[in-house]
Structure formats: structure tokens, C-alpha cells
Amino acid sequence: MHYTIARTAALGPADARWDRPVWTAATTLQVTHFPWKDSGHRPRVLARLLYDDTALGLIFRVEDRYVRAVAQKFQDSVCTDSCVEFFVAPVPGSTAYLNFEVNCGGTMLVFRCPSPEERQAGKQQVVLTAEDEALMPVAHSLPKIVEPEVAEPTTWTVEYHLPFALFTKYFGISIPQAGTNWRANFYKCADHTSHPHWGSWAPVDTPAPNFHVPASYQPLIFN
């Protein structure tokens, strides 16, 4: 499996509108694999990607229930909330990656995770900074805090833009051109809601929920 990222002249401001005209050029992918024992709640999760000269844009649409968001600061543990995640390895031949985790209220967590070879050379996980956060605009359809949990059916969206300068900073790579291949996976989780669940776009073969599995990442092809 793979995903082809369409190019657009300009992403425009992030506003979390799934039906914004610019997104009509993007193919829609879906999180469909829920291999682990869970609460039985498996929301419909869609995502789209586009890129322009300066950034990669992502938007998620989630048809959900039991929605909760209490993490509110950059680098808080958002995976315990109603959360969507994008893990991407941009360097050919390397499994080093960035994990972008965003809850339904727009709070983000991002680490740079080293490859096994980098770990052997002494390189450790890097926590992205507040300066990095300022470069990644996030828009969200729900309030920042959703508490108490909303049990009724609720559709929510988040959109964020990732400047290619961020990937240059942490991986030393050039701006992608047509034909460039990265590798990635997309996820949905909600660890500390009343109905926890863990889903992925590409299958993950682990006995317990674990998204940090670069072997599961599939090609992202810049068109």
C-alpha cells in the first residue's frame, strides 16, 4: 500500500475545514485496522495530505463518540485523549522518524525518534521545542478542552502544516520534489477515555498496542 501526496500551489491558512476547496485535490485514506483488544468503539477516521513549496499539510476527520481532551500544553501526553497521530520517516534507508500526535483540541506532541543505528552511535530521542511548535499551525473544530467526555456521536477535524524546514533541521534533508518517497503510518487512539481503542492505516503486527513500529510504515510518494 502507499499514499500519493498531491501538490498544490498554496496550502493556505489551516482552518480544519474538511470541505475547503484546496483539499478536493487530495486523496483520502482511512484508518481501518484495529487489531488489538479494545472497547469495541472503532471510529471512522479519514486523512488527507497535500504539499506546496514550503510545507506538508495534513487534515483528519473523525466520526467519533466518547470524545475527551484534557491535555492542553505542547508536549503533554495527548495519546490519552481522543487523538490522531502521524509517524513519518523521511530519510531513505533510515527508520529515524518524527511522531506527530494531536488531540481533538489541537494540542500536539512531537519527538524525533532515532533509528537503531543512531542509538548505537549514542543519539537519543529529541523533544521538539516551543520554537518548533510556533512553526506548526494547528486548527481544530472542537474546543481546546473537552471535559466531561462527550458520549454522543461527534465529528471532529484537525488540520496542521509541517514546514519542510523542520525536516531539514532534524534530518538534514532537502525539500521534497516530485518523485520523493517518505514512509509513514497514521493512527487513532484514546487511551484514557471510557472507550479506549487503537487503530492504524497500515497494519501493525504487535501483540499489544504500539505505534512506534517503523517496519509498518508505508510509502508516501510526492506527486
Protein backbone atom coordinates (compact mmCIF):
# COMPACT_ATOMS: atom_id res chain seq x y z
CA MET A 1 0.00 0.00 0.00
CA HIS A 2 1.07 3.60 -0.47
CA TYR A 3 -0.28 7.15 -0.45
CA THR A 4 0.39 9.74 -3.17
CA ILE A 5 0.63 13.35 -1.95
CA ALA A 6 -0.75 15.83 -4.47
CA ARG A 7 0.95 19.18 -4.91
CA THR A 8 -0.96 22.45 -4.54
CA ALA A 9 0.08 26.00 -5.37
CA ALA A 10 -0.59 27.10 -1.78
CA LEU A 11 -1.96 25.29 1.26
CA GLY A 12 -3.48 28.49 2.62
CA PRO A 13 -4.18 29.03 6.33
CA ALA A 14 -5.03 25.94 8.39
CA ASP A 15 -8.71 26.13 9.40
CA ALA A 16 -9.76 22.47 9.95
CA ARG A 17 -12.44 22.65 7.22
CA TRP A 18 -12.54 19.22 5.60
CA ASP A 19 -14.56 20.62 2.67
CA ARG A 20 -12.20 23.56 1.98
CA PRO A 21 -11.71 23.61 -1.82
CA VAL A 22 -7.94 23.07 -1.68
CA TRP A 23 -8.49 19.61 -0.16
CA THR A 24 -10.51 18.34 -3.14
CA ALA A 25 -7.18 17.65 -4.88
CA ALA A 26 -6.11 15.23 -2.12
CA THR A 27 -6.75 11.50 -1.99
CA THR A 28 -8.48 10.31 1.19
CA LEU A 29 -7.01 7.49 3.26
CA GLN A 30 -8.76 5.66 6.11
CA VAL A 31 -7.66 4.12 9.40
CA THR A 32 -9.23 0.66 9.16
CA HIS A 33 -7.01 -1.69 11.15
CA PHE A 34 -7.99 -2.21 14.80
CA PRO A 35 -6.05 -5.39 15.63
CA TRP A 36 -5.87 -5.10 19.40
CA LYS A 37 -8.42 -5.91 22.08
CA ASP A 38 -10.35 -2.72 22.81
CA SER A 39 -13.68 -1.31 23.97
CA GLY A 40 -15.43 -2.09 20.69
CA HIS A 41 -15.67 1.59 19.71
CA ARG A 42 -13.89 1.98 16.37
CA PRO A 43 -14.44 5.44 14.91
CA ARG A 44 -14.30 6.24 11.21
CA VAL A 45 -11.01 8.11 10.70
CA LEU A 46 -10.10 9.79 7.41
CA ALA A 47 -6.99 11.77 6.48
CA ARG A 48 -5.71 13.81 3.54
CA LEU A 49 -2.28 15.24 2.71
CA LEU A 50 -1.12 17.99 0.35
CA TYR A 51 2.13 19.89 -0.10
CA ASP A 52 3.28 23.18 -1.53
CA ASP A 53 6.70 24.83 -1.86
CA THR A 54 7.22 25.19 1.87
CA ALA A 55 5.16 22.72 3.88
CA LEU A 56 3.30 19.44 4.16
CA GLY A 57 -0.36 19.83 5.14
CA LEU A 58 -2.50 17.21 6.89
CA ILE A 59 -6.15 17.14 7.82
CA PHE A 60 -8.01 14.43 9.77
CA ARG A 61 -11.76 13.89 10.00
CA VAL A 62 -13.05 11.63 12.79
CA GLU A 63 -16.60 10.35 13.23
CA ASP A 64 -16.32 9.62 16.92
CA ARG A 65 -18.02 9.10 20.27
CA TYR A 66 -16.75 9.25 23.86
CA VAL A 67 -14.65 12.29 22.94
CA ARG A 68 -12.34 13.80 25.53
CA ALA A 69 -9.42 16.26 25.57
CA VAL A 70 -7.67 17.38 28.76
CA ALA A 71 -4.04 17.76 27.61
CA GLN A 72 -3.53 21.44 26.89
CA LYS A 73 0.22 22.23 26.66
CA PHE A 74 2.62 21.38 23.84
CA GLN A 75 4.26 18.00 24.63
CA ASP A 76 1.55 16.94 27.10
CA SER A 77 0.56 13.26 26.76
CA VAL A 78 -2.16 13.69 24.14
CA CYS A 79 -2.45 9.98 23.30
CA THR A 80 -4.60 9.50 26.39
CA ASP A 81 -7.20 11.88 24.87
CA SER A 82 -9.18 11.46 21.64
CA CYS A 83 -6.15 11.68 19.38
CA VAL A 84 -4.90 11.23 15.81
CA GLU A 85 -1.26 10.54 15.01
CA PHE A 86 1.13 10.70 12.04
CA PHE A 87 4.54 9.00 12.25
CA VAL A 88 6.89 9.72 9.35
CA ALA A 89 10.40 8.60 8.39
CA PRO A 90 11.66 10.98 5.67
CA VAL A 91 15.18 9.65 5.04
CA PRO A 92 15.59 6.76 2.56
CA GLY A 93 17.16 3.74 4.22
CA SER A 94 16.69 5.09 7.76
CA THR A 95 13.98 4.33 10.30
CA ALA A 96 14.50 7.58 12.23
CA TYR A 97 11.15 9.35 12.40
CA LEU A 98 9.04 12.15 13.82
CA ASN A 99 5.80 11.27 15.64
CA PHE A 100 3.15 13.98 15.38
CA GLU A 101 0.36 13.35 17.92
CA VAL A 102 -2.58 15.77 18.09
CA ASN A 103 -5.68 15.54 20.26
CA CYS A 104 -9.13 16.74 19.20
CA GLY A 105 -8.48 20.07 20.94
CA GLY A 106 -5.39 20.77 18.83
CA THR A 107 -2.72 20.08 21.46
CA MET A 108 0.37 18.49 19.93
CA LEU A 109 3.24 16.25 21.00
CA VAL A 110 6.26 15.69 18.72
CA PHE A 111 9.51 13.77 19.24
CA ARG A 112 12.33 12.84 16.88
CA CYS A 113 12.93 9.15 17.42
CA PRO A 114 16.35 7.77 16.37
CA SER A 115 16.98 4.70 14.26
CA PRO A 116 18.70 1.68 15.87
CA GLU A 117 21.93 2.69 14.15
CA GLU A 118 21.70 6.19 15.59
CA ARG A 119 21.04 4.78 19.07
CA GLN A 120 24.15 2.62 18.78
CA ALA A 121 26.08 5.78 17.93
CA GLY A 122 24.73 7.47 21.08
CA LYS A 123 21.95 9.55 19.55
CA GLN A 124 18.90 9.83 21.79
CA GLN A 125 15.27 10.84 21.37
CA VAL A 126 14.83 14.59 20.81
CA VAL A 127 11.88 16.51 22.19
CA LEU A 128 10.86 19.29 19.81
CA THR A 129 10.91 22.81 21.23
CA ALA A 130 8.45 25.65 21.69
CA GLU A 131 10.22 27.37 18.80
CA ASP A 132 9.39 24.36 16.63
CA GLU A 133 5.78 24.44 17.83
CA ALA A 134 5.45 28.03 16.62
CA LEU A 135 6.25 26.85 13.08
CA MET A 136 3.43 24.27 13.02
CA PRO A 137 -0.02 25.91 12.89
CA VAL A 138 -2.83 23.67 14.17
CA ALA A 139 -6.55 24.28 13.63
CA HIS A 140 -9.28 22.24 15.31
CA SER A 141 -13.08 22.12 15.18
CA LEU A 142 -13.66 21.34 18.86
CA PRO A 143 -12.75 23.45 21.92
CA LYS A 144 -9.25 23.01 23.30
CA ILE A 145 -10.62 21.25 26.40
CA VAL A 146 -13.42 18.69 26.07
CA GLU A 147 -14.29 17.61 29.61
CA PRO A 148 -16.51 15.96 30.64
CA GLU A 149 -16.38 13.39 27.89
CA VAL A 150 -18.94 13.74 25.08
CA ALA A 151 -20.61 10.35 24.63
CA GLU A 152 -22.88 11.38 21.74
CA PRO A 153 -21.79 10.93 18.11
CA THR A 154 -19.37 13.78 17.35
CA THR A 155 -17.47 14.53 14.15
CA TRP A 156 -14.25 16.48 14.65
CA THR A 157 -11.39 17.66 12.50
CA VAL A 158 -7.82 18.82 12.99
CA GLU A 159 -5.50 20.36 10.39
CA TYR A 160 -1.82 21.18 10.74
CA HIS A 161 1.01 22.24 8.46
CA LEU A 162 4.59 20.99 8.82
CA PRO A 163 7.27 23.23 7.29
CA PHE A 164 9.91 21.38 5.32
CA ALA A 165 12.46 23.48 7.22
CA LEU A 166 11.58 21.35 10.26
CA PHE A 167 12.60 18.17 8.44
CA THR A 168 15.78 19.84 7.21
CA LYS A 169 16.60 20.82 10.80
CA TYR A 170 16.12 17.34 12.25
CA PHE A 171 17.15 15.14 9.32
CA GLY A 172 19.34 17.31 7.08
CA ILE A 173 17.22 16.59 4.01
CA SER A 174 16.23 18.78 1.09
CA ILE A 175 12.71 19.97 0.30
CA PRO A 176 10.90 17.04 -1.36
CA GLN A 177 10.32 17.15 -5.09
CA ALA A 178 8.03 15.14 -7.36
CA GLY A 179 9.07 11.52 -7.02
CA THR A 180 10.44 11.84 -3.47
CA ASN A 181 9.41 8.93 -1.23
CA TRP A 182 8.95 9.09 2.53
CA ARG A 183 7.44 6.37 4.74
CA ALA A 184 4.66 6.79 7.29
CA ASN A 185 1.69 5.43 9.19
CA PHE A 186 -1.46 7.08 10.56
CA TYR A 187 -3.22 6.24 13.80
CA LYS A 188 -6.21 6.85 16.08
CA CYS A 189 -6.19 6.30 19.85
CA ALA A 190 -7.99 7.35 23.02
CA ASP A 191 -6.24 5.61 25.91
CA HIS A 192 -7.92 7.32 28.86
CA THR A 193 -11.46 7.73 27.54
CA SER A 194 -14.32 5.50 28.62
CA HIS A 195 -13.97 3.53 25.36
CA PRO A 196 -10.25 3.16 24.55
CA HIS A 197 -9.20 1.96 21.09
CA TRP A 198 -6.13 1.84 18.85
CA GLY A 199 -6.30 1.89 15.06
CA SER A 200 -3.88 2.28 12.15
CA TRP A 201 -3.85 2.89 8.41
CA ALA A 202 -1.17 0.31 7.63
CA PRO A 203 -1.28 -2.93 9.64
CA VAL A 204 0.89 -3.17 12.75
CA ASP A 205 1.92 -6.65 13.88
CA THR A 206 2.46 -6.40 17.63
CA PRO A 207 0.72 -8.29 20.45
CA ALA A 208 -0.16 -5.07 22.32
CA PRO A 209 -0.93 -1.55 21.03
CA ASN A 210 2.31 0.02 19.78
CA PHE A 211 2.55 2.72 17.14
CA HIS A 212 6.36 3.03 17.29
CA VAL A 213 6.95 0.33 14.69
CA PRO A 214 8.80 1.75 11.66
CA ALA A 215 8.55 -1.61 9.91
CA SER A 216 4.83 -0.87 9.47
CA TYR A 217 5.38 2.44 7.68
CA GLN A 218 4.32 2.55 4.03
CA PRO A 219 5.44 4.83 1.16
CA LEU A 220 4.33 8.43 0.88
CA ILE A 221 5.00 9.50 -2.70
CA PHE A 222 5.22 13.21 -3.54
CA ASN A 223 3.48 13.74 -6.86
